[in-house]
Amino acid sequence: MAKLSKYEKETIINWNEGESQASIYTFHASLKRRLAEFSEKYPQLCCLVSSTPEGSVTYVIDKSRLSIRLIPPCSEEQRAAMRERGFQLVEAGEKIA
């Protein structure tokens, strides 16, 4: 079994208008943990369908429990206020060492 690259470790959300559930296939560690915790707490709304030796999982979740949030960029005033409060800001695409 070959090690997968980060590029190959994708997340796919299958959402269609004809069903009440969405399918989430992911390698993302944080999302896997959050889905596992949610499915343990609310098994009637979310359940693990499969997992692979490579590290992916597939969950089915009630569509009413899933949302996609788009976050606009901060204005310069917001960024200045955050800096004053001691936040370290990272530009899009910049890596933290």
PDB file of N, CA and C in Angstrom:
ATOM      1  N   MET A   1       0.840  -1.173   0.000  1.00  0.00           N
ATOM      2  CA  MET A   1       0.000   0.000   0.000  1.00  0.00           C
ATOM      3  C   MET A   1       0.891   1.244   0.000  1.00  0.00           C
ATOM      4  N   ALA A   2       0.762   2.074  -1.015  1.00  0.00           N
ATOM      5  CA  ALA A   2       1.567   3.282  -1.146  1.00  0.00           C
ATOM      6  C   ALA A   2       0.985   4.409  -0.294  1.00  0.00           C
ATOM      7  N   LYS A   3       1.866   5.231   0.230  1.00  0.00           N
ATOM      8  CA  LYS A   3       1.436   6.385   1.020  1.00  0.00           C
ATOM      9  C   LYS A   3       0.835   7.424   0.069  1.00  0.00           C
ATOM     10  N   LEU A   4      -0.315   7.968   0.451  1.00  0.00           N
ATOM     11  CA  LEU A   4      -0.975   8.959  -0.385  1.00  0.00           C
ATOM     12  C   LEU A   4      -0.385  10.343  -0.147  1.00  0.00           C
ATOM     13  N   SER A   5      -0.342  11.137  -1.206  1.00  0.00           N
ATOM     14  CA  SER A   5       0.120  12.517  -1.076  1.00  0.00           C
ATOM     15  C   SER A   5      -1.007  13.361  -0.493  1.00  0.00           C
ATOM     16  N   LYS A   6      -0.668  14.553  -0.015  1.00  0.00           N
ATOM     17  CA  LYS A   6      -1.695  15.461   0.495  1.00  0.00           C
ATOM     18  C   LYS A   6      -2.715  15.793  -0.595  1.00  0.00           C
ATOM     19  N   TYR A   7      -2.261  15.888  -1.823  1.00  0.00           N
ATOM     20  CA  TYR A   7      -3.151  16.178  -2.943  1.00  0.00           C
ATOM     21  C   TYR A   7      -4.207  15.077  -3.104  1.00  0.00           C
ATOM     22  N   GLU A   8      -3.815  13.848  -2.849  1.00  0.00           N
ATOM     23  CA  GLU A   8      -4.738  12.712  -3.004  1.00  0.00           C
ATOM     24  C   GLU A   8      -5.693  12.556  -1.818  1.00  0.00           C
ATOM     25  N   LYS A   9      -5.378  13.174  -0.702  1.00  0.00           N
ATOM     26  CA  LYS A   9      -6.221  13.073   0.490  1.00  0.00           C
ATOM     27  C   LYS A   9      -7.308  14.145   0.417  1.00  0.00           C
ATOM     28  N   GLU A  10      -8.373  13.815  -0.264  1.00  0.00           N
ATOM     29  CA  GLU A  10      -9.415  14.801  -0.526  1.00  0.00           C
ATOM     30  C   GLU A  10     -10.634  14.617   0.365  1.00  0.00           C
ATOM     31  N   THR A  11     -11.490  15.611   0.348  1.00  0.00           N
ATOM     32  CA  THR A  11     -12.784  15.558   1.008  1.00  0.00           C
ATOM     33  C   THR A  11     -13.835  15.776  -0.062  1.00  0.00           C
ATOM     34  N   ILE A  12     -14.820  14.882  -0.101  1.00  0.00           N
ATOM     35  CA  ILE A  12     -15.894  14.972  -1.084  1.00  0.00           C
ATOM     36  C   ILE A  12     -17.222  14.967  -0.340  1.00  0.00           C
ATOM     37  N   ILE A  13     -18.032  15.983  -0.583  1.00  0.00           N
ATOM     38  CA  ILE A  13     -19.373  16.049  -0.018  1.00  0.00           C
ATOM     39  C   ILE A  13     -20.346  15.820  -1.155  1.00  0.00           C
ATOM     40  N   ASN A  14     -21.116  14.741  -1.057  1.00  0.00           N
ATOM     41  CA  ASN A  14     -22.108  14.419  -2.078  1.00  0.00           C
ATOM     42  C   ASN A  14     -23.476  14.845  -1.557  1.00  0.00           C
ATOM     43  N   TRP A  15     -24.007  15.870  -2.159  1.00  0.00           N
ATOM     44  CA  TRP A  15     -25.275  16.478  -1.735  1.00  0.00           C
ATOM     45  C   TRP A  15     -26.154  16.560  -2.968  1.00  0.00           C
ATOM     46  N   ASN A  16     -27.258  15.844  -2.972  1.00  0.00           N
ATOM     47  CA  ASN A  16     -28.161  15.977  -4.105  1.00  0.00           C
ATOM     48  C   ASN A  16     -29.547  16.343  -3.608  1.00  0.00           C
ATOM     49  N   GLU A  17     -30.329  16.938  -4.457  1.00  0.00           N
ATOM     50  CA  GLU A  17     -31.644  17.456  -4.076  1.00  0.00           C
ATOM     51  C   GLU A  17     -32.668  16.353  -3.844  1.00  0.00           C
ATOM     52  N   GLY A  18     -32.404  15.152  -4.315  1.00  0.00           N
ATOM     53  CA  GLY A  18     -33.375  14.071  -4.218  1.00  0.00           C
ATOM     54  C   GLY A  18     -33.354  13.284  -2.922  1.00  0.00           C
ATOM     55  N   GLU A  19     -32.363  13.523  -2.049  1.00  0.00           N
ATOM     56  CA  GLU A  19     -32.243  12.750  -0.817  1.00  0.00           C
ATOM     57  C   GLU A  19     -32.178  13.669   0.392  1.00  0.00           C
ATOM     58  N   SER A  20     -32.521  13.134   1.544  1.00  0.00           N
ATOM     59  CA  SER A  20     -32.499  13.926   2.779  1.00  0.00           C
ATOM     60  C   SER A  20     -31.158  13.828   3.495  1.00  0.00           C
ATOM     61  N   GLN A  21     -30.246  12.998   2.985  1.00  0.00           N
ATOM     62  CA  GLN A  21     -28.940  12.835   3.609  1.00  0.00           C
ATOM     63  C   GLN A  21     -27.831  13.201   2.641  1.00  0.00           C
ATOM     64  N   ALA A  22     -26.718  13.656   3.188  1.00  0.00           N
ATOM     65  CA  ALA A  22     -25.521  13.940   2.416  1.00  0.00           C
ATOM     66  C   ALA A  22     -24.453  12.922   2.809  1.00  0.00           C
ATOM     67  N   SER A  23     -23.551  12.658   1.899  1.00  0.00           N
ATOM     68  CA  SER A  23     -22.451  11.737   2.146  1.00  0.00           C
ATOM     69  C   SER A  23     -21.155  12.541   2.198  1.00  0.00           C
ATOM     70  N   ILE A  24     -20.326  12.260   3.211  1.00  0.00           N
ATOM     71  CA  ILE A  24     -19.049  12.954   3.353  1.00  0.00           C
ATOM     72  C   ILE A  24     -17.931  11.919   3.370  1.00  0.00           C
ATOM     73  N   TYR A  25     -17.036  12.011   2.391  1.00  0.00           N
ATOM     74  CA  TYR A  25     -15.856  11.152   2.275  1.00  0.00           C
ATOM     75  C   TYR A  25     -14.657  12.037   2.548  1.00  0.00           C
ATOM     76  N   THR A  26     -13.824  11.674   3.530  1.00  0.00           N
ATOM     77  CA  THR A  26     -12.713  12.557   3.867  1.00  0.00           C
ATOM     78  C   THR A  26     -11.518  11.820   4.461  1.00  0.00           C
ATOM     79  N   PHE A  27     -10.356  12.441   4.308  1.00  0.00           N
ATOM     80  CA  PHE A  27      -9.114  12.047   4.969  1.00  0.00           C
ATOM     81  C   PHE A  27      -8.757  13.063   6.052  1.00  0.00           C
ATOM     82  N   HIS A  28      -9.427  14.211   6.082  1.00  0.00           N
ATOM     83  CA  HIS A  28      -9.094  15.336   6.945  1.00  0.00           C
ATOM     84  C   HIS A  28      -9.269  14.948   8.415  1.00  0.00           C
ATOM     85  N   ALA A  29      -8.162  14.966   9.176  1.00  0.00           N
ATOM     86  CA  ALA A  29      -8.163  14.469  10.557  1.00  0.00           C
ATOM     87  C   ALA A  29      -9.165  15.193  11.449  1.00  0.00           C
ATOM     88  N   SER A  30      -9.195  16.495  11.383  1.00  0.00           N
ATOM     89  CA  SER A  30     -10.103  17.263  12.231  1.00  0.00           C
ATOM     90  C   SER A  30     -11.562  16.982  11.876  1.00  0.00           C
ATOM     91  N   LEU A  31     -11.864  16.915  10.598  1.00  0.00           N
ATOM     92  CA  LEU A  31     -13.238  16.630  10.170  1.00  0.00           C
ATOM     93  C   LEU A  31     -13.631  15.208  10.556  1.00  0.00           C
ATOM     94  N   LYS A  32     -12.716  14.262  10.440  1.00  0.00           N
ATOM     95  CA  LYS A  32     -13.000  12.882  10.857  1.00  0.00           C
ATOM     96  C   LYS A  32     -13.336  12.828  12.344  1.00  0.00           C
ATOM     97  N   ARG A  33     -12.557  13.544  13.153  1.00  0.00           N
ATOM     98  CA  ARG A  33     -12.809  13.581  14.593  1.00  0.00           C
ATOM     99  C   ARG A  33     -14.160  14.214  14.896  1.00  0.00           C
ATOM    100  N   ARG A  34     -14.467  15.330  14.239  1.00  0.00           N
ATOM    101  CA  ARG A  34     -15.736  16.011  14.482  1.00  0.00           C
ATOM    102  C   ARG A  34     -16.927  15.155  14.065  1.00  0.00           C
ATOM    103  N   LEU A  35     -16.806  14.461  12.934  1.00  0.00           N
ATOM    104  CA  LEU A  35     -17.890  13.572  12.488  1.00  0.00           C
ATOM    105  C   LEU A  35     -18.056  12.398  13.448  1.00  0.00           C
ATOM    106  N   ALA A  36     -16.952  11.844  13.931  1.00  0.00           N
ATOM    107  CA  ALA A  36     -17.029  10.723  14.878  1.00  0.00           C
ATOM    108  C   ALA A  36     -17.728  11.151  16.163  1.00  0.00           C
ATOM    109  N   GLU A  37     -17.355  12.308  16.688  1.00  0.00           N
ATOM    110  CA  GLU A  37     -17.985  12.814  17.910  1.00  0.00           C
ATOM    111  C   GLU A  37     -19.476  13.084  17.681  1.00  0.00           C
ATOM    112  N   PHE A  38     -19.810  13.685  16.543  1.00  0.00           N
ATOM    113  CA  PHE A  38     -21.211  13.992  16.234  1.00  0.00           C
ATOM    114  C   PHE A  38     -22.026  12.715  16.087  1.00  0.00           C
ATOM    115  N   SER A  39     -21.449  11.707  15.415  1.00  0.00           N
ATOM    116  CA  SER A  39     -22.185  10.452  15.202  1.00  0.00           C
ATOM    117  C   SER A  39     -22.392   9.688  16.509  1.00  0.00           C
ATOM    118  N   GLU A  40     -21.439   9.809  17.450  1.00  0.00           N
ATOM    119  CA  GLU A  40     -21.613   9.167  18.753  1.00  0.00           C
ATOM    120  C   GLU A  40     -22.721   9.847  19.548  1.00  0.00           C
ATOM    121  N   LYS A  41     -22.766  11.159  19.449  1.00  0.00           N
ATOM    122  CA  LYS A  41     -23.748  11.927  20.211  1.00  0.00           C
ATOM    123  C   LYS A  41     -25.141  11.873  19.572  1.00  0.00           C
ATOM    124  N   TYR A  42     -25.189  11.854  18.238  1.00  0.00           N
ATOM    125  CA  TYR A  42     -26.460  11.875  17.504  1.00  0.00           C
ATOM    126  C   TYR A  42     -26.505  10.772  16.446  1.00  0.00           C
ATOM    127  N   PRO A  43     -26.563   9.510  16.847  1.00  0.00           N
ATOM    128  CA  PRO A  43     -26.508   8.413  15.879  1.00  0.00           C
ATOM    129  C   PRO A  43     -27.694   8.384  14.913  1.00  0.00           C
ATOM    130  N   GLN A  44     -28.808   9.005  15.272  1.00  0.00           N
ATOM    131  CA  GLN A  44     -29.959   9.044  14.381  1.00  0.00           C
ATOM    132  C   GLN A  44     -29.767  10.056  13.245  1.00  0.00           C
ATOM    133  N   LEU A  45     -28.785  10.955  13.384  1.00  0.00           N
ATOM    134  CA  LEU A  45     -28.545  11.993  12.380  1.00  0.00           C
ATOM    135  C   LEU A  45     -27.285  11.773  11.549  1.00  0.00           C
ATOM    136  N   CYS A  46     -26.352  10.971  12.057  1.00  0.00           N
ATOM    137  CA  CYS A  46     -25.060  10.802  11.389  1.00  0.00           C
ATOM    138  C   CYS A  46     -24.501   9.429  11.713  1.00  0.00           C
ATOM    139  N   CYS A  47     -24.009   8.726  10.687  1.00  0.00           N
ATOM    140  CA  CYS A  47     -23.405   7.421  10.973  1.00  0.00           C
ATOM    141  C   CYS A  47     -22.246   7.132  10.027  1.00  0.00           C
ATOM    142  N   LEU A  48     -21.280   6.396  10.562  1.00  0.00           N
ATOM    143  CA  LEU A  48     -20.129   5.953   9.789  1.00  0.00           C
ATOM    144  C   LEU A  48     -20.584   4.841   8.854  1.00  0.00           C
ATOM    145  N   VAL A  49     -20.276   4.993   7.566  1.00  0.00           N
ATOM    146  CA  VAL A  49     -20.637   3.986   6.567  1.00  0.00           C
ATOM    147  C   VAL A  49     -19.448   3.079   6.280  1.00  0.00           C
ATOM    148  N   SER A  50     -18.258   3.680   6.152  1.00  0.00           N
ATOM    149  CA  SER A  50     -17.077   2.874   5.856  1.00  0.00           C
ATOM    150  C   SER A  50     -15.802   3.630   6.228  1.00  0.00           C
ATOM    151  N   SER A  51     -14.738   2.862   6.373  1.00  0.00           N
ATOM    152  CA  SER A  51     -13.398   3.429   6.557  1.00  0.00           C
ATOM    153  C   SER A  51     -12.428   2.553   5.781  1.00  0.00           C
ATOM    154  N   THR A  52     -11.289   3.134   5.401  1.00  0.00           N
ATOM    155  CA  THR A  52     -10.313   2.389   4.614  1.00  0.00           C
ATOM    156  C   THR A  52      -8.987   2.315   5.352  1.00  0.00           C
ATOM    157  N   PRO A  53      -8.149   1.339   5.023  1.00  0.00           N
ATOM    158  CA  PRO A  53      -6.818   1.244   5.637  1.00  0.00           C
ATOM    159  C   PRO A  53      -5.951   2.464   5.326  1.00  0.00           C
ATOM    160  N   GLU A  54      -6.232   3.153   4.223  1.00  0.00           N
ATOM    161  CA  GLU A  54      -5.464   4.343   3.844  1.00  0.00           C
ATOM    162  C   GLU A  54      -5.772   5.535   4.740  1.00  0.00           C
ATOM    163  N   GLY A  55      -6.900   5.474   5.480  1.00  0.00           N
ATOM    164  CA  GLY A  55      -7.228   6.551   6.408  1.00  0.00           C
ATOM    165  C   GLY A  55      -8.465   7.354   6.095  1.00  0.00           C
ATOM    166  N   SER A  56      -9.200   6.994   5.061  1.00  0.00           N
ATOM    167  CA  SER A  56     -10.417   7.750   4.744  1.00  0.00           C
ATOM    168  C   SER A  56     -11.609   7.176   5.505  1.00  0.00           C
ATOM    169  N   VAL A  57     -12.615   8.010   5.682  1.00  0.00           N
ATOM    170  CA  VAL A  57     -13.887   7.583   6.263  1.00  0.00           C
ATOM    171  C   VAL A  57     -15.013   8.138   5.406  1.00  0.00           C
ATOM    172  N   THR A  58     -16.153   7.472   5.456  1.00  0.00           N
ATOM    173  CA  THR A  58     -17.354   7.967   4.795  1.00  0.00           C
ATOM    174  C   THR A  58     -18.475   7.972   5.813  1.00  0.00           C
ATOM    175  N   TYR A  59     -19.088   9.122   5.983  1.00  0.00           N
ATOM    176  CA  TYR A  59     -20.227   9.279   6.878  1.00  0.00           C
ATOM    177  C   TYR A  59     -21.435   9.700   6.059  1.00  0.00           C
ATOM    178  N   VAL A  60     -22.612   9.328   6.543  1.00  0.00           N
ATOM    179  CA  VAL A  60     -23.869   9.820   6.002  1.00  0.00           C
ATOM    180  C   VAL A  60     -24.479  10.670   7.102  1.00  0.00           C
ATOM    181  N   ILE A  61     -24.903  11.884   6.736  1.00  0.00           N
ATOM    182  CA  ILE A  61     -25.427  12.823   7.720  1.00  0.00           C
ATOM    183  C   ILE A  61     -26.697  13.477   7.182  1.00  0.00           C
ATOM    184  N   ASP A  62     -27.625  13.741   8.078  1.00  0.00           N
ATOM    185  CA  ASP A  62     -28.855  14.430   7.710  1.00  0.00           C
ATOM    186  C   ASP A  62     -28.485  15.813   7.161  1.00  0.00           C
ATOM    187  N   LYS A  63     -29.023  16.148   5.998  1.00  0.00           N
ATOM    188  CA  LYS A  63     -28.643  17.411   5.358  1.00  0.00           C
ATOM    189  C   LYS A  63     -28.977  18.634   6.199  1.00  0.00           C
ATOM    190  N   SER A  64     -29.975  18.526   7.060  1.00  0.00           N
ATOM    191  CA  SER A  64     -30.342  19.674   7.892  1.00  0.00           C
ATOM    192  C   SER A  64     -29.277  19.978   8.943  1.00  0.00           C
ATOM    193  N   ARG A  65     -28.328  19.068   9.158  1.00  0.00           N
ATOM    194  CA  ARG A  65     -27.268  19.253  10.151  1.00  0.00           C
ATOM    195  C   ARG A  65     -25.969  19.755   9.544  1.00  0.00           C
ATOM    196  N   LEU A  66     -25.923  19.906   8.249  1.00  0.00           N
ATOM    197  CA  LEU A  66     -24.688  20.279   7.554  1.00  0.00           C
ATOM    198  C   LEU A  66     -24.847  21.668   6.953  1.00  0.00           C
ATOM    199  N   SER A  67     -23.830  22.505   7.137  1.00  0.00           N
ATOM    200  CA  SER A  67     -23.847  23.831   6.520  1.00  0.00           C
ATOM    201  C   SER A  67     -22.468  24.152   5.979  1.00  0.00           C
ATOM    202  N   ILE A  68     -22.440  25.037   5.007  1.00  0.00           N
ATOM    203  CA  ILE A  68     -21.187  25.512   4.441  1.00  0.00           C
ATOM    204  C   ILE A  68     -21.129  27.002   4.725  1.00  0.00           C
ATOM    205  N   ARG A  69     -20.059  27.420   5.348  1.00  0.00           N
ATOM    206  CA  ARG A  69     -19.916  28.806   5.770  1.00  0.00           C
ATOM    207  C   ARG A  69     -18.846  29.486   4.925  1.00  0.00           C
ATOM    208  N   LEU A  70     -19.202  30.579   4.281  1.00  0.00           N
ATOM    209  CA  LEU A  70     -18.247  31.373   3.519  1.00  0.00           C
ATOM    210  C   LEU A  70     -17.853  32.573   4.369  1.00  0.00           C
ATOM    211  N   ILE A  71     -16.557  32.766   4.552  1.00  0.00           N
ATOM    212  CA  ILE A  71     -16.060  33.815   5.431  1.00  0.00           C
ATOM    213  C   ILE A  71     -15.366  34.878   4.580  1.00  0.00           C
ATOM    214  N   PRO A  72     -15.921  36.092   4.571  1.00  0.00           N
ATOM    215  CA  PRO A  72     -15.274  37.150   3.789  1.00  0.00           C
ATOM    216  C   PRO A  72     -13.959  37.567   4.433  1.00  0.00           C
ATOM    217  N   PRO A  73     -13.057  38.159   3.648  1.00  0.00           N
ATOM    218  CA  PRO A  73     -11.789  38.616   4.219  1.00  0.00           C
ATOM    219  C   PRO A  73     -12.028  39.777   5.181  1.00  0.00           C
ATOM    220  N   CYS A  74     -11.126  39.937   6.133  1.00  0.00           N
ATOM    221  CA  CYS A  74     -11.214  41.028   7.104  1.00  0.00           C
ATOM    222  C   CYS A  74     -10.840  42.342   6.444  1.00  0.00           C
ATOM    223  N   SER A  75     -11.476  43.407   6.905  1.00  0.00           N
ATOM    224  CA  SER A  75     -11.100  44.745   6.445  1.00  0.00           C
ATOM    225  C   SER A  75      -9.796  45.135   7.139  1.00  0.00           C
ATOM    226  N   GLU A  76      -9.156  46.179   6.644  1.00  0.00           N
ATOM    227  CA  GLU A  76      -7.921  46.645   7.269  1.00  0.00           C
ATOM    228  C   GLU A  76      -8.181  47.098   8.706  1.00  0.00           C
ATOM    229  N   GLU A  77      -9.347  47.684   8.967  1.00  0.00           N
ATOM    230  CA  GLU A  77      -9.687  48.115  10.326  1.00  0.00           C
ATOM    231  C   GLU A  77      -9.806  46.904  11.260  1.00  0.00           C
ATOM    232  N   GLN A  78     -10.450  45.839  10.779  1.00  0.00           N
ATOM    233  CA  GLN A  78     -10.583  44.617  11.583  1.00  0.00           C
ATOM    234  C   GLN A  78      -9.217  43.994  11.852  1.00  0.00           C
ATOM    235  N   ARG A  79      -8.376  43.983  10.827  1.00  0.00           N
ATOM    236  CA  ARG A  79      -7.043  43.402  10.972  1.00  0.00           C
ATOM    237  C   ARG A  79      -6.221  44.195  11.992  1.00  0.00           C
ATOM    238  N   ALA A  80      -6.311  45.541  11.939  1.00  0.00           N
ATOM    239  CA  ALA A  80      -5.578  46.392  12.882  1.00  0.00           C
ATOM    240  C   ALA A  80      -6.068  46.140  14.307  1.00  0.00           C
ATOM    241  N   ALA A  81      -7.382  46.017  14.483  1.00  0.00           N
ATOM    242  CA  ALA A  81      -7.942  45.759  15.811  1.00  0.00           C
ATOM    243  C   ALA A  81      -7.481  44.401  16.332  1.00  0.00           C
ATOM    244  N   MET A  82      -7.415  43.414  15.460  1.00  0.00           N
ATOM    245  CA  MET A  82      -6.964  42.085  15.880  1.00  0.00           C
ATOM    246  C   MET A  82      -5.485  42.118  16.283  1.00  0.00           C
ATOM    247  N   ARG A  83      -4.672  42.860  15.518  1.00  0.00           N
ATOM    248  CA  ARG A  83      -3.247  42.983  15.863  1.00  0.00           C
ATOM    249  C   ARG A  83      -3.083  43.636  17.233  1.00  0.00           C
ATOM    250  N   GLU A  84      -3.905  44.663  17.508  1.00  0.00           N
ATOM    251  CA  GLU A  84      -3.833  45.359  18.796  1.00  0.00           C
ATOM    252  C   GLU A  84      -4.165  44.423  19.950  1.00  0.00           C
ATOM    253  N   ARG A  85      -5.043  43.450  19.690  1.00  0.00           N
ATOM    254  CA  ARG A  85      -5.426  42.479  20.728  1.00  0.00           C
ATOM    255  C   ARG A  85      -4.436  41.332  20.836  1.00  0.00           C
ATOM    256  N   GLY A  86      -3.362  41.373  20.023  1.00  0.00           N
ATOM    257  CA  GLY A  86      -2.313  40.370  20.145  1.00  0.00           C
ATOM    258  C   GLY A  86      -2.438  39.171  19.221  1.00  0.00           C
ATOM    259  N   PHE A  87      -3.358  39.213  18.253  1.00  0.00           N
ATOM    260  CA  PHE A  87      -3.494  38.107  17.314  1.00  0.00           C
ATOM    261  C   PHE A  87      -2.394  38.168  16.267  1.00  0.00           C
ATOM    262  N   GLN A  88      -1.865  36.998  15.914  1.00  0.00           N
ATOM    263  CA  GLN A  88      -0.901  36.903  14.830  1.00  0.00           C
ATOM    264  C   GLN A  88      -1.692  36.576  13.573  1.00  0.00           C
ATOM    265  N   LEU A  89      -1.676  37.462  12.599  1.00  0.00           N
ATOM    266  CA  LEU A  89      -2.458  37.255  11.378  1.00  0.00           C
ATOM    267  C   LEU A  89      -1.606  36.605  10.304  1.00  0.00           C
ATOM    268  N   VAL A  90      -2.202  35.687   9.575  1.00  0.00           N
ATOM    269  CA  VAL A  90      -1.530  34.964   8.514  1.00  0.00           C
ATOM    270  C   VAL A  90      -2.250  35.284   7.212  1.00  0.00           C
ATOM    271  N   GLU A  91      -1.499  35.648   6.197  1.00  0.00           N
ATOM    272  CA  GLU A  91      -2.068  35.936   4.879  1.00  0.00           C
ATOM    273  C   GLU A  91      -2.474  34.638   4.202  1.00  0.00           C
ATOM    274  N   ALA A  92      -3.438  34.715   3.287  1.00  0.00           N
ATOM    275  CA  ALA A  92      -3.885  33.543   2.539  1.00  0.00           C
ATOM    276  C   ALA A  92      -2.696  32.925   1.820  1.00  0.00           C
ATOM    277  N   GLY A  93      -2.543  31.625   1.984  1.00  0.00           N
ATOM    278  CA  GLY A  93      -1.467  30.893   1.330  1.00  0.00           C
ATOM    279  C   GLY A  93      -0.154  30.895   2.104  1.00  0.00           C
ATOM    280  N   GLU A  94      -0.053  31.732   3.140  1.00  0.00           N
ATOM    281  CA  GLU A  94       1.168  31.813   3.950  1.00  0.00           C
ATOM    282  C   GLU A  94       1.198  30.665   4.952  1.00  0.00           C
ATOM    283  N   LYS A  95       2.363  30.111   5.184  1.00  0.00           N
ATOM    284  CA  LYS A  95       2.529  29.011   6.138  1.00  0.00           C
ATOM    285  C   LYS A  95       3.128  29.535   7.429  1.00  0.00           C
ATOM    286  N   ILE A  96       2.669  28.952   8.552  1.00  0.00           N
ATOM    287  CA  ILE A  96       3.246  29.294   9.852  1.00  0.00           C
ATOM    288  C   ILE A  96       4.337  28.293  10.158  1.00  0.00           C
ATOM    289  N   ALA A  97       5.520  28.778  10.510  1.00  0.00           N
ATOM    290  CA  ALA A  97       6.654  27.884  10.797  1.00  0.00           C
ATOM    291  C   ALA A  97       6.506  27.197  12.110  1.00  0.00           C
TER     292      ALA A  97
END
